[in-house]
Amino acid sequence: MTVGADRWDRDWMNLNPHSSYLKIDSSCLTWEGERFCGKEEIVKKLTSLPFTKIAHSITAQDHQPTPDNCIVSMVIGQLKADEDLIMGFHQSFLLRNINDSWVCTNDMFRLAIHNFG
């Protein structure tokens, strides 16, 4: 999974709705509690993020096969965007094999920020 993070760090600004390795039209992304459905909406959100550089460090990852031949994954790590402080993050996603290619059909991302009320 580190390969995916490295690819994201390098290529995120060049994402486009025609990138078949990323999502499909029925994919869903939940980013910090906000839901985006469909490849175009997801790419629009990801390319509108307010940073120009990002680096990830994955500290833990767990993966499980599902009964319908998918893979569910949970990743915990740290990221650094531009000159911001390093922040923790959690990401869970579902990979589905479609026509001998793995695509992300469901993705949930949150920064590990604690809001004490």
PDB file of N, CA and C in Angstrom:
ATOM      1  N   MET A   1       0.818  -1.190   0.000  1.00  0.00           N
ATOM      2  CA  MET A   1       0.000   0.000   0.000  1.00  0.00           C
ATOM      3  C   MET A   1       0.864   1.256   0.000  1.00  0.00           C
ATOM      4  N   THR A   2       2.119   1.142   0.364  1.00  0.00           N
ATOM      5  CA  THR A   2       2.998   2.299   0.312  1.00  0.00           C
ATOM      6  C   THR A   2       3.122   2.815  -1.111  1.00  0.00           C
ATOM      7  N   VAL A   3       3.101   1.928  -2.080  1.00  0.00           N
ATOM      8  CA  VAL A   3       3.183   2.344  -3.480  1.00  0.00           C
ATOM      9  C   VAL A   3       2.046   3.294  -3.806  1.00  0.00           C
ATOM     10  N   GLY A   4       0.846   2.996  -3.334  1.00  0.00           N
ATOM     11  CA  GLY A   4      -0.296   3.872  -3.578  1.00  0.00           C
ATOM     12  C   GLY A   4      -0.105   5.242  -2.954  1.00  0.00           C
ATOM     13  N   ALA A   5       0.416   5.289  -1.735  1.00  0.00           N
ATOM     14  CA  ALA A   5       0.659   6.568  -1.072  1.00  0.00           C
ATOM     15  C   ALA A   5       1.723   7.357  -1.824  1.00  0.00           C
ATOM     16  N   ASP A   6       2.788   6.686  -2.250  1.00  0.00           N
ATOM     17  CA  ASP A   6       3.829   7.370  -3.019  1.00  0.00           C
ATOM     18  C   ASP A   6       3.274   7.917  -4.327  1.00  0.00           C
ATOM     19  N   ARG A   7       2.440   7.139  -4.983  1.00  0.00           N
ATOM     20  CA  ARG A   7       1.841   7.592  -6.247  1.00  0.00           C
ATOM     21  C   ARG A   7       0.948   8.800  -5.999  1.00  0.00           C
ATOM     22  N   TRP A   8       0.159   8.751  -4.931  1.00  0.00           N
ATOM     23  CA  TRP A   8      -0.705   9.882  -4.578  1.00  0.00           C
ATOM     24  C   TRP A   8       0.138  11.120  -4.308  1.00  0.00           C
ATOM     25  N   ASP A   9       1.201  11.001  -3.497  1.00  0.00           N
ATOM     26  CA  ASP A   9       2.053  12.141  -3.181  1.00  0.00           C
ATOM     27  C   ASP A   9       2.606  12.781  -4.446  1.00  0.00           C
ATOM     28  N   ARG A  10       2.934  11.969  -5.427  1.00  0.00           N
ATOM     29  CA  ARG A  10       3.538  12.448  -6.670  1.00  0.00           C
ATOM     30  C   ARG A  10       2.511  12.992  -7.654  1.00  0.00           C
ATOM     31  N   ASP A  11       1.363  12.316  -7.775  1.00  0.00           N
ATOM     32  CA  ASP A  11       0.460  12.565  -8.903  1.00  0.00           C
ATOM     33  C   ASP A  11      -0.871  13.228  -8.561  1.00  0.00           C
ATOM     34  N   TRP A  12      -1.126  13.601  -7.313  1.00  0.00           N
ATOM     35  CA  TRP A  12      -2.471  14.027  -6.941  1.00  0.00           C
ATOM     36  C   TRP A  12      -2.959  15.237  -7.725  1.00  0.00           C
ATOM     37  N   MET A  13      -2.091  16.150  -8.107  1.00  0.00           N
ATOM     38  CA  MET A  13      -2.550  17.337  -8.835  1.00  0.00           C
ATOM     39  C   MET A  13      -2.928  17.011 -10.271  1.00  0.00           C
ATOM     40  N   ASN A  14      -2.528  15.847 -10.777  1.00  0.00           N
ATOM     41  CA  ASN A  14      -2.821  15.475 -12.160  1.00  0.00           C
ATOM     42  C   ASN A  14      -3.996  14.513 -12.279  1.00  0.00           C
ATOM     43  N   LEU A  15      -4.758  14.347 -11.201  1.00  0.00           N
ATOM     44  CA  LEU A  15      -5.918  13.456 -11.260  1.00  0.00           C
ATOM     45  C   LEU A  15      -6.938  13.998 -12.242  1.00  0.00           C
ATOM     46  N   ASN A  16      -7.634  13.104 -12.901  1.00  0.00           N
ATOM     47  CA  ASN A  16      -8.724  13.530 -13.767  1.00  0.00           C
ATOM     48  C   ASN A  16      -9.791  12.448 -13.754  1.00  0.00           C
ATOM     49  N   PRO A  17     -11.013  12.793 -14.157  1.00  0.00           N
ATOM     50  CA  PRO A  17     -12.100  11.819 -14.101  1.00  0.00           C
ATOM     51  C   PRO A  17     -11.883  10.592 -14.973  1.00  0.00           C
ATOM     52  N   HIS A  18     -10.901  10.613 -15.851  1.00  0.00           N
ATOM     53  CA  HIS A  18     -10.653   9.478 -16.731  1.00  0.00           C
ATOM     54  C   HIS A  18      -9.593   8.536 -16.167  1.00  0.00           C
ATOM     55  N   SER A  19      -9.102   8.810 -14.952  1.00  0.00           N
ATOM     56  CA  SER A  19      -8.098   7.956 -14.317  1.00  0.00           C
ATOM     57  C   SER A  19      -8.768   6.695 -13.797  1.00  0.00           C
ATOM     58  N   SER A  20      -8.724   5.629 -14.572  1.00  0.00           N
ATOM     59  CA  SER A  20      -9.448   4.410 -14.209  1.00  0.00           C
ATOM     60  C   SER A  20      -8.850   3.717 -12.995  1.00  0.00           C
ATOM     61  N   TYR A  21      -7.573   3.977 -12.686  1.00  0.00           N
ATOM     62  CA  TYR A  21      -6.977   3.298 -11.533  1.00  0.00           C
ATOM     63  C   TYR A  21      -7.533   3.820 -10.224  1.00  0.00           C
ATOM     64  N   LEU A  22      -8.185   4.954 -10.240  1.00  0.00           N
ATOM     65  CA  LEU A  22      -8.577   5.595  -8.995  1.00  0.00           C
ATOM     66  C   LEU A  22      -9.974   5.202  -8.530  1.00  0.00           C
ATOM     67  N   LYS A  23     -10.966   5.477  -9.293  1.00  0.00           N
ATOM     68  CA  LYS A  23     -12.359   5.284  -8.882  1.00  0.00           C
ATOM     69  C   LYS A  23     -13.184   4.894 -10.104  1.00  0.00           C
ATOM     70  N   ILE A  24     -14.447   4.534  -9.852  1.00  0.00           N
ATOM     71  CA  ILE A  24     -15.400   4.304 -10.936  1.00  0.00           C
ATOM     72  C   ILE A  24     -16.585   5.231 -10.711  1.00  0.00           C
ATOM     73  N   ASP A  25     -17.495   5.299 -11.674  1.00  0.00           N
ATOM     74  CA  ASP A  25     -18.605   6.245 -11.582  1.00  0.00           C
ATOM     75  C   ASP A  25     -19.496   6.026 -10.369  1.00  0.00           C
ATOM     76  N   SER A  26     -19.552   4.808  -9.838  1.00  0.00           N
ATOM     77  CA  SER A  26     -20.388   4.561  -8.662  1.00  0.00           C
ATOM     78  C   SER A  26     -19.598   4.628  -7.351  1.00  0.00           C
ATOM     79  N   SER A  27     -18.349   5.066  -7.394  1.00  0.00           N
ATOM     80  CA  SER A  27     -17.533   5.171  -6.183  1.00  0.00           C
ATOM     81  C   SER A  27     -18.035   6.278  -5.268  1.00  0.00           C
ATOM     82  N   CYS A  28     -17.749   6.129  -3.977  1.00  0.00           N
ATOM     83  CA  CYS A  28     -18.088   7.150  -2.982  1.00  0.00           C
ATOM     84  C   CYS A  28     -16.858   7.467  -2.140  1.00  0.00           C
ATOM     85  N   LEU A  29     -16.685   8.739  -1.841  1.00  0.00           N
ATOM     86  CA  LEU A  29     -15.632   9.224  -0.958  1.00  0.00           C
ATOM     87  C   LEU A  29     -16.289  10.019   0.159  1.00  0.00           C
ATOM     88  N   THR A  30     -15.906   9.744   1.398  1.00  0.00           N
ATOM     89  CA  THR A  30     -16.284  10.599   2.521  1.00  0.00           C
ATOM     90  C   THR A  30     -14.995  11.232   3.016  1.00  0.00           C
ATOM     91  N   TRP A  31     -14.917  12.554   2.888  1.00  0.00           N
ATOM     92  CA  TRP A  31     -13.713  13.302   3.253  1.00  0.00           C
ATOM     93  C   TRP A  31     -14.075  14.219   4.405  1.00  0.00           C
ATOM     94  N   GLU A  32     -13.552  13.917   5.589  1.00  0.00           N
ATOM     95  CA  GLU A  32     -13.837  14.735   6.769  1.00  0.00           C
ATOM     96  C   GLU A  32     -15.341  14.914   6.968  1.00  0.00           C
ATOM     97  N   GLY A  33     -16.110  13.856   6.758  1.00  0.00           N
ATOM     98  CA  GLY A  33     -17.550  13.876   6.992  1.00  0.00           C
ATOM     99  C   GLY A  33     -18.391  14.356   5.829  1.00  0.00           C
ATOM    100  N   GLU A  34     -17.779  14.816   4.763  1.00  0.00           N
ATOM    101  CA  GLU A  34     -18.509  15.299   3.586  1.00  0.00           C
ATOM    102  C   GLU A  34     -18.456  14.228   2.497  1.00  0.00           C
ATOM    103  N   ARG A  35     -19.617  13.881   1.940  1.00  0.00           N
ATOM    104  CA  ARG A  35     -19.684  12.775   0.975  1.00  0.00           C
ATOM    105  C   ARG A  35     -19.664  13.272  -0.470  1.00  0.00           C
ATOM    106  N   PHE A  36     -18.908  12.553  -1.302  1.00  0.00           N
ATOM    107  CA  PHE A  36     -18.800  12.834  -2.733  1.00  0.00           C
ATOM    108  C   PHE A  36     -19.022  11.522  -3.465  1.00  0.00           C
ATOM    109  N   CYS A  37     -19.896  11.528  -4.449  1.00  0.00           N
ATOM    110  CA  CYS A  37     -20.205  10.305  -5.188  1.00  0.00           C
ATOM    111  C   CYS A  37     -19.934  10.504  -6.671  1.00  0.00           C
ATOM    112  N   GLY A  38     -19.366   9.484  -7.286  1.00  0.00           N
ATOM    113  CA  GLY A  38     -19.037   9.539  -8.706  1.00  0.00           C
ATOM    114  C   GLY A  38     -17.624  10.041  -8.910  1.00  0.00           C
ATOM    115  N   LYS A  39     -17.006   9.549  -9.959  1.00  0.00           N
ATOM    116  CA  LYS A  39     -15.613   9.869 -10.241  1.00  0.00           C
ATOM    117  C   LYS A  39     -15.372  11.372 -10.390  1.00  0.00           C
ATOM    118  N   GLU A  40     -16.260  12.048 -11.107  1.00  0.00           N
ATOM    119  CA  GLU A  40     -16.041  13.481 -11.334  1.00  0.00           C
ATOM    120  C   GLU A  40     -16.083  14.278 -10.041  1.00  0.00           C
ATOM    121  N   GLU A  41     -17.075  14.002  -9.179  1.00  0.00           N
ATOM    122  CA  GLU A  41     -17.166  14.711  -7.897  1.00  0.00           C
ATOM    123  C   GLU A  41     -15.946  14.435  -7.031  1.00  0.00           C
ATOM    124  N   ILE A  42     -15.500  13.182  -7.017  1.00  0.00           N
ATOM    125  CA  ILE A  42     -14.355  12.803  -6.193  1.00  0.00           C
ATOM    126  C   ILE A  42     -13.089  13.497  -6.685  1.00  0.00           C
ATOM    127  N   VAL A  43     -12.842  13.456  -7.973  1.00  0.00           N
ATOM    128  CA  VAL A  43     -11.650  14.106  -8.527  1.00  0.00           C
ATOM    129  C   VAL A  43     -11.714  15.613  -8.302  1.00  0.00           C
ATOM    130  N   LYS A  44     -12.890  16.206  -8.452  1.00  0.00           N
ATOM    131  CA  LYS A  44     -13.045  17.650  -8.209  1.00  0.00           C
ATOM    132  C   LYS A  44     -12.672  17.989  -6.768  1.00  0.00           C
ATOM    133  N   LYS A  45     -13.129  17.183  -5.813  1.00  0.00           N
ATOM    134  CA  LYS A  45     -12.792  17.416  -4.408  1.00  0.00           C
ATOM    135  C   LYS A  45     -11.296  17.258  -4.178  1.00  0.00           C
ATOM    136  N   LEU A  46     -10.731  16.160  -4.631  1.00  0.00           N
ATOM    137  CA  LEU A  46      -9.318  15.892  -4.363  1.00  0.00           C
ATOM    138  C   LEU A  46      -8.397  16.922  -5.002  1.00  0.00           C
ATOM    139  N   THR A  47      -8.734  17.392  -6.186  1.00  0.00           N
ATOM    140  CA  THR A  47      -7.876  18.382  -6.849  1.00  0.00           C
ATOM    141  C   THR A  47      -8.113  19.795  -6.332  1.00  0.00           C
ATOM    142  N   SER A  48      -9.154  19.994  -5.503  1.00  0.00           N
ATOM    143  CA  SER A  48      -9.401  21.320  -4.933  1.00  0.00           C
ATOM    144  C   SER A  48      -8.811  21.469  -3.535  1.00  0.00           C
ATOM    145  N   LEU A  49      -8.158  20.441  -3.031  1.00  0.00           N
ATOM    146  CA  LEU A  49      -7.565  20.537  -1.697  1.00  0.00           C
ATOM    147  C   LEU A  49      -6.522  21.653  -1.695  1.00  0.00           C
ATOM    148  N   PRO A  50      -6.432  22.402  -0.579  1.00  0.00           N
ATOM    149  CA  PRO A  50      -5.682  23.663  -0.579  1.00  0.00           C
ATOM    150  C   PRO A  50      -4.176  23.547  -0.348  1.00  0.00           C
ATOM    151  N   PHE A  51      -3.536  22.505  -0.816  1.00  0.00           N
ATOM    152  CA  PHE A  51      -2.091  22.401  -0.651  1.00  0.00           C
ATOM    153  C   PHE A  51      -1.446  22.121  -1.999  1.00  0.00           C
ATOM    154  N   THR A  52      -0.141  22.382  -2.068  1.00  0.00           N
ATOM    155  CA  THR A  52       0.578  22.127  -3.315  1.00  0.00           C
ATOM    156  C   THR A  52       1.531  20.946  -3.201  1.00  0.00           C
ATOM    157  N   LYS A  53       1.946  20.610  -1.956  1.00  0.00           N
ATOM    158  CA  LYS A  53       2.827  19.460  -1.724  1.00  0.00           C
ATOM    159  C   LYS A  53       2.231  18.622  -0.606  1.00  0.00           C
ATOM    160  N   ILE A  54       2.394  17.310  -0.705  1.00  0.00           N
ATOM    161  CA  ILE A  54       1.958  16.425   0.371  1.00  0.00           C
ATOM    162  C   ILE A  54       2.897  15.228   0.445  1.00  0.00           C
ATOM    163  N   ALA A  55       3.119  14.772   1.669  1.00  0.00           N
ATOM    164  CA  ALA A  55       3.907  13.558   1.898  1.00  0.00           C
ATOM    165  C   ALA A  55       3.198  12.732   2.964  1.00  0.00           C
ATOM    166  N   HIS A  56       3.120  11.427   2.743  1.00  0.00           N
ATOM    167  CA  HIS A  56       2.472  10.487   3.664  1.00  0.00           C
ATOM    168  C   HIS A  56       3.518   9.573   4.293  1.00  0.00           C
ATOM    169  N   SER A  57       3.249   9.185   5.520  1.00  0.00           N
ATOM    170  CA  SER A  57       4.002   8.120   6.169  1.00  0.00           C
ATOM    171  C   SER A  57       2.976   7.177   6.781  1.00  0.00           C
ATOM    172  N   ILE A  58       2.917   5.957   6.292  1.00  0.00           N
ATOM    173  CA  ILE A  58       1.958   4.978   6.794  1.00  0.00           C
ATOM    174  C   ILE A  58       2.593   4.255   7.974  1.00  0.00           C
ATOM    175  N   THR A  59       1.915   4.310   9.139  1.00  0.00           N
ATOM    176  CA  THR A  59       2.461   3.686  10.341  1.00  0.00           C
ATOM    177  C   THR A  59       1.817   2.342  10.649  1.00  0.00           C
ATOM    178  N   ALA A  60       0.592   2.117  10.186  1.00  0.00           N
ATOM    179  CA  ALA A  60      -0.075   0.823  10.378  1.00  0.00           C
ATOM    180  C   ALA A  60      -1.091   0.636   9.268  1.00  0.00           C
ATOM    181  N   GLN A  61      -1.282  -0.612   8.878  1.00  0.00           N
ATOM    182  CA  GLN A  61      -2.284  -0.917   7.860  1.00  0.00           C
ATOM    183  C   GLN A  61      -2.797  -2.330   8.076  1.00  0.00           C
ATOM    184  N   ASP A  62      -4.083  -2.491   7.876  1.00  0.00           N
ATOM    185  CA  ASP A  62      -4.722  -3.795   7.999  1.00  0.00           C
ATOM    186  C   ASP A  62      -5.591  -4.014   6.771  1.00  0.00           C
ATOM    187  N   HIS A  63      -5.610  -5.249   6.278  1.00  0.00           N
ATOM    188  CA  HIS A  63      -6.365  -5.588   5.074  1.00  0.00           C
ATOM    189  C   HIS A  63      -7.063  -6.921   5.304  1.00  0.00           C
ATOM    190  N   GLN A  64      -8.294  -7.021   4.816  1.00  0.00           N
ATOM    191  CA  GLN A  64      -9.046  -8.271   4.931  1.00  0.00           C
ATOM    192  C   GLN A  64      -9.764  -8.551   3.622  1.00  0.00           C
ATOM    193  N   PRO A  65      -9.801  -9.819   3.222  1.00  0.00           N
ATOM    194  CA  PRO A  65     -10.645 -10.178   2.073  1.00  0.00           C
ATOM    195  C   PRO A  65     -12.106 -10.201   2.524  1.00  0.00           C
ATOM    196  N   THR A  66     -12.999  -9.904   1.612  1.00  0.00           N
ATOM    197  CA  THR A  66     -14.428  -9.979   1.909  1.00  0.00           C
ATOM    198  C   THR A  66     -15.010 -11.199   1.198  1.00  0.00           C
ATOM    199  N   PRO A  67     -16.191 -11.656   1.624  1.00  0.00           N
ATOM    200  CA  PRO A  67     -16.797 -12.831   0.981  1.00  0.00           C
ATOM    201  C   PRO A  67     -17.068 -12.645  -0.514  1.00  0.00           C
ATOM    202  N   ASP A  68     -17.232 -11.389  -0.964  1.00  0.00           N
ATOM    203  CA  ASP A  68     -17.505 -11.147  -2.385  1.00  0.00           C
ATOM    204  C   ASP A  68     -16.239 -10.761  -3.159  1.00  0.00           C
ATOM    205  N   ASN A  69     -15.075 -11.239  -2.679  1.00  0.00           N
ATOM    206  CA  ASN A  69     -13.790 -11.070  -3.370  1.00  0.00           C
ATOM    207  C   ASN A  69     -13.315  -9.631  -3.483  1.00  0.00           C
ATOM    208  N   CYS A  70     -13.633  -8.820  -2.500  1.00  0.00           N
ATOM    209  CA  CYS A  70     -13.095  -7.464  -2.412  1.00  0.00           C
ATOM    210  C   CYS A  70     -12.015  -7.460  -1.333  1.00  0.00           C
ATOM    211  N   ILE A  71     -11.410  -6.313  -1.134  1.00  0.00           N
ATOM    212  CA  ILE A  71     -10.443  -6.133  -0.055  1.00  0.00           C
ATOM    213  C   ILE A  71     -10.841  -4.876   0.705  1.00  0.00           C
ATOM    214  N   VAL A  72     -11.028  -5.014   2.011  1.00  0.00           N
ATOM    215  CA  VAL A  72     -11.298  -3.851   2.852  1.00  0.00           C
ATOM    216  C   VAL A  72      -9.990  -3.519   3.575  1.00  0.00           C
ATOM    217  N   SER A  73      -9.639  -2.226   3.586  1.00  0.00           N
ATOM    218  CA  SER A  73      -8.355  -1.798   4.144  1.00  0.00           C
ATOM    219  C   SER A  73      -8.538  -0.636   5.100  1.00  0.00           C
ATOM    220  N   MET A  74      -7.700  -0.613   6.126  1.00  0.00           N
ATOM    221  CA  MET A  74      -7.645   0.511   7.052  1.00  0.00           C
ATOM    222  C   MET A  74      -6.183   0.937   7.150  1.00  0.00           C
ATOM    223  N   VAL A  75      -5.950   2.224   7.004  1.00  0.00           N
ATOM    224  CA  VAL A  75      -4.594   2.759   7.037  1.00  0.00           C
ATOM    225  C   VAL A  75      -4.546   3.873   8.076  1.00  0.00           C
ATOM    226  N   ILE A  76      -3.507   3.861   8.879  1.00  0.00           N
ATOM    227  CA  ILE A  76      -3.262   4.925   9.847  1.00  0.00           C
ATOM    228  C   ILE A  76      -1.870   5.458   9.559  1.00  0.00           C
ATOM    229  N   GLY A  77      -1.735   6.774   9.613  1.00  0.00           N
ATOM    230  CA  GLY A  77      -0.422   7.334   9.352  1.00  0.00           C
ATOM    231  C   GLY A  77      -0.352   8.808   9.667  1.00  0.00           C
ATOM    232  N   GLN A  78       0.659   9.426   9.109  1.00  0.00           N
ATOM    233  CA  GLN A  78       0.863  10.856   9.263  1.00  0.00           C
ATOM    234  C   GLN A  78       1.037  11.463   7.885  1.00  0.00           C
ATOM    235  N   LEU A  79       0.649  12.730   7.778  1.00  0.00           N
ATOM    236  CA  LEU A  79       0.869  13.438   6.522  1.00  0.00           C
ATOM    237  C   LEU A  79       1.362  14.837   6.809  1.00  0.00           C
ATOM    238  N   LYS A  80       2.058  15.370   5.840  1.00  0.00           N
ATOM    239  CA  LYS A  80       2.541  16.746   5.909  1.00  0.00           C
ATOM    240  C   LYS A  80       2.161  17.421   4.609  1.00  0.00           C
ATOM    241  N   ALA A  81       1.369  18.480   4.730  1.00  0.00           N
ATOM    242  CA  ALA A  81       0.934  19.246   3.565  1.00  0.00           C
ATOM    243  C   ALA A  81       1.617  20.611   3.595  1.00  0.00           C
ATOM    244  N   ASP A  82       2.288  20.949   2.512  1.00  0.00           N
ATOM    245  CA  ASP A  82       3.029  22.206   2.409  1.00  0.00           C
ATOM    246  C   ASP A  82       3.915  22.383   3.640  1.00  0.00           C
ATOM    247  N   GLU A  83       3.788  23.523   4.314  1.00  0.00           N
ATOM    248  CA  GLU A  83       4.614  23.797   5.497  1.00  0.00           C
ATOM    249  C   GLU A  83       3.834  23.601   6.793  1.00  0.00           C
ATOM    250  N   ASP A  84       2.662  22.967   6.719  1.00  0.00           N
ATOM    251  CA  ASP A  84       1.859  22.712   7.917  1.00  0.00           C
ATOM    252  C   ASP A  84       2.569  21.721   8.833  1.00  0.00           C
ATOM    253  N   LEU A  85       2.107  21.682  10.080  1.00  0.00           N
ATOM    254  CA  LEU A  85       2.612  20.683  11.013  1.00  0.00           C
ATOM    255  C   LEU A  85       2.193  19.291  10.549  1.00  0.00           C
ATOM    256  N   ILE A  86       2.909  18.289  10.973  1.00  0.00           N
ATOM    257  CA  ILE A  86       2.556  16.901  10.666  1.00  0.00           C
ATOM    258  C   ILE A  86       1.260  16.557  11.387  1.00  0.00           C
ATOM    259  N   MET A  87       0.340  15.906  10.678  1.00  0.00           N
ATOM    260  CA  MET A  87      -0.960  15.537  11.237  1.00  0.00           C
ATOM    261  C   MET A  87      -1.183  14.044  11.054  1.00  0.00           C
ATOM    262  N   GLY A  88      -1.872  13.439  12.008  1.00  0.00           N
ATOM    263  CA  GLY A  88      -2.259  12.048  11.867  1.00  0.00           C
ATOM    264  C   GLY A  88      -3.479  11.931  10.969  1.00  0.00           C
ATOM    265  N   PHE A  89      -3.652  10.760  10.354  1.00  0.00           N
ATOM    266  CA  PHE A  89      -4.845  10.520   9.542  1.00  0.00           C
ATOM    267  C   PHE A  89      -5.257   9.059   9.641  1.00  0.00           C
ATOM    268  N   HIS A  90      -6.534   8.825   9.343  1.00  0.00           N
ATOM    269  CA  HIS A  90      -7.115   7.482   9.257  1.00  0.00           C
ATOM    270  C   HIS A  90      -7.796   7.390   7.908  1.00  0.00           C
ATOM    271  N   GLN A  91      -7.660   6.270   7.240  1.00  0.00           N
ATOM    272  CA  GLN A  91      -8.343   6.071   5.963  1.00  0.00           C
ATOM    273  C   GLN A  91      -8.773   4.613   5.861  1.00  0.00           C
ATOM    274  N   SER A  92     -10.023   4.419   5.481  1.00  0.00           N
ATOM    275  CA  SER A  92     -10.558   3.078   5.235  1.00  0.00           C
ATOM    276  C   SER A  92     -11.099   3.057   3.819  1.00  0.00           C
ATOM    277  N   PHE A  93     -10.883   1.953   3.116  1.00  0.00           N
ATOM    278  CA  PHE A  93     -11.385   1.889   1.749  1.00  0.00           C
ATOM    279  C   PHE A  93     -11.656   0.455   1.338  1.00  0.00           C
ATOM    280  N   LEU A  94     -12.464   0.329   0.302  1.00  0.00           N
ATOM    281  CA  LEU A  94     -12.832  -0.969  -0.252  1.00  0.00           C
ATOM    282  C   LEU A  94     -12.330  -1.038  -1.685  1.00  0.00           C
ATOM    283  N   LEU A  95     -11.555  -2.078  -1.978  1.00  0.00           N
ATOM    284  CA  LEU A  95     -11.066  -2.307  -3.337  1.00  0.00           C
ATOM    285  C   LEU A  95     -11.863  -3.448  -3.947  1.00  0.00           C
ATOM    286  N   ARG A  96     -12.298  -3.250  -5.166  1.00  0.00           N
ATOM    287  CA  ARG A  96     -13.089  -4.259  -5.875  1.00  0.00           C
ATOM    288  C   ARG A  96     -12.369  -4.594  -7.183  1.00  0.00           C
ATOM    289  N   ASN A  97     -12.317  -5.872  -7.516  1.00  0.00           N
ATOM    290  CA  ASN A  97     -11.695  -6.287  -8.767  1.00  0.00           C
ATOM    291  C   ASN A  97     -12.748  -6.242  -9.871  1.00  0.00           C
ATOM    292  N   ILE A  98     -12.533  -5.349 -10.820  1.00  0.00           N
ATOM    293  CA  ILE A  98     -13.438  -5.189 -11.957  1.00  0.00           C
ATOM    294  C   ILE A  98     -12.615  -5.354 -13.227  1.00  0.00           C
ATOM    295  N   ASN A  99     -12.942  -6.359 -14.008  1.00  0.00           N
ATOM    296  CA  ASN A  99     -12.224  -6.631 -15.266  1.00  0.00           C
ATOM    297  C   ASN A  99     -10.717  -6.751 -15.051  1.00  0.00           C
ATOM    298  N   ASP A 100     -10.329  -7.505 -14.027  1.00  0.00           N
ATOM    299  CA  ASP A 100      -8.922  -7.750 -13.695  1.00  0.00           C
ATOM    300  C   ASP A 100      -8.149  -6.500 -13.293  1.00  0.00           C
ATOM    301  N   SER A 101      -8.854  -5.465 -12.814  1.00  0.00           N
ATOM    302  CA  SER A 101      -8.202  -4.268 -12.280  1.00  0.00           C
ATOM    303  C   SER A 101      -8.819  -3.954 -10.924  1.00  0.00           C
ATOM    304  N   TRP A 102      -7.997  -3.560  -9.975  1.00  0.00           N
ATOM    305  CA  TRP A 102      -8.497  -3.177  -8.664  1.00  0.00           C
ATOM    306  C   TRP A 102      -8.869  -1.706  -8.689  1.00  0.00           C
ATOM    307  N   VAL A 103     -10.098  -1.420  -8.281  1.00  0.00           N
ATOM    308  CA  VAL A 103     -10.562  -0.034  -8.217  1.00  0.00           C
ATOM    309  C   VAL A 103     -11.117   0.229  -6.824  1.00  0.00           C
ATOM    310  N   CYS A 104     -11.016   1.460  -6.401  1.00  0.00           N
ATOM    311  CA  CYS A 104     -11.521   1.870  -5.096  1.00  0.00           C
ATOM    312  C   CYS A 104     -12.978   2.287  -5.263  1.00  0.00           C
ATOM    313  N   THR A 105     -13.885   1.530  -4.646  1.00  0.00           N
ATOM    314  CA  THR A 105     -15.311   1.855  -4.763  1.00  0.00           C
ATOM    315  C   THR A 105     -15.812   2.664  -3.578  1.00  0.00           C
ATOM    316  N   ASN A 106     -15.159   2.538  -2.436  1.00  0.00           N
ATOM    317  CA  ASN A 106     -15.565   3.266  -1.234  1.00  0.00           C
ATOM    318  C   ASN A 106     -14.308   3.707  -0.496  1.00  0.00           C
ATOM    319  N   ASP A 107     -14.308   4.975  -0.046  1.00  0.00           N
ATOM    320  CA  ASP A 107     -13.122   5.543   0.583  1.00  0.00           C
ATOM    321  C   ASP A 107     -13.575   6.516   1.664  1.00  0.00           C
ATOM    322  N   MET A 108     -13.024   6.386   2.870  1.00  0.00           N
ATOM    323  CA  MET A 108     -13.341   7.299   3.970  1.00  0.00           C
ATOM    324  C   MET A 108     -12.035   7.806   4.566  1.00  0.00           C
ATOM    325  N   PHE A 109     -11.919   9.137   4.683  1.00  0.00           N
ATOM    326  CA  PHE A 109     -10.683   9.763   5.153  1.00  0.00           C
ATOM    327  C   PHE A 109     -11.000  10.771   6.247  1.00  0.00           C
ATOM    328  N   ARG A 110     -10.200  10.752   7.304  1.00  0.00           N
ATOM    329  CA  ARG A 110     -10.298  11.745   8.376  1.00  0.00           C
ATOM    330  C   ARG A 110      -8.904  12.052   8.906  1.00  0.00           C
ATOM    331  N   LEU A 111      -8.692  13.339   9.195  1.00  0.00           N
ATOM    332  CA  LEU A 111      -7.508  13.716   9.951  1.00  0.00           C
ATOM    333  C   LEU A 111      -7.735  13.287  11.393  1.00  0.00           C
ATOM    334  N   ALA A 112      -6.678  12.924  12.080  1.00  0.00           N
ATOM    335  CA  ALA A 112      -6.789  12.486  13.478  1.00  0.00           C
ATOM    336  C   ALA A 112      -6.668  13.706  14.384  1.00  0.00           C
ATOM    337  N   ILE A 113      -7.714  14.518  14.347  1.00  0.00           N
ATOM    338  CA  ILE A 113      -7.762  15.740  15.150  1.00  0.00           C
ATOM    339  C   ILE A 113      -8.816  15.535  16.225  1.00  0.00           C
ATOM    340  N   HIS A 114      -8.462  15.833  17.445  1.00  0.00           N
ATOM    341  CA  HIS A 114      -9.393  15.652  18.560  1.00  0.00           C
ATOM    342  C   HIS A 114     -10.021  16.997  18.908  1.00  0.00           C
ATOM    343  N   ASN A 115     -11.325  17.080  18.789  1.00  0.00           N
ATOM    344  CA  ASN A 115     -12.060  18.297  19.134  1.00  0.00           C
ATOM    345  C   ASN A 115     -12.730  18.091  20.487  1.00  0.00           C
ATOM    346  N   PHE A 116     -12.149  18.665  21.501  1.00  0.00           N
ATOM    347  CA  PHE A 116     -12.725  18.539  22.836  1.00  0.00           C
ATOM    348  C   PHE A 116     -13.672  19.705  23.060  1.00  0.00           C
ATOM    349  N   GLY A 117     -14.931  19.398  23.352  1.00  0.00           N
ATOM    350  CA  GLY A 117     -15.966  20.417  23.503  1.00  0.00           C
ATOM    351  C   GLY A 117     -16.029  20.930  24.878  1.00  0.00           C
TER     352      GLY A 117
END
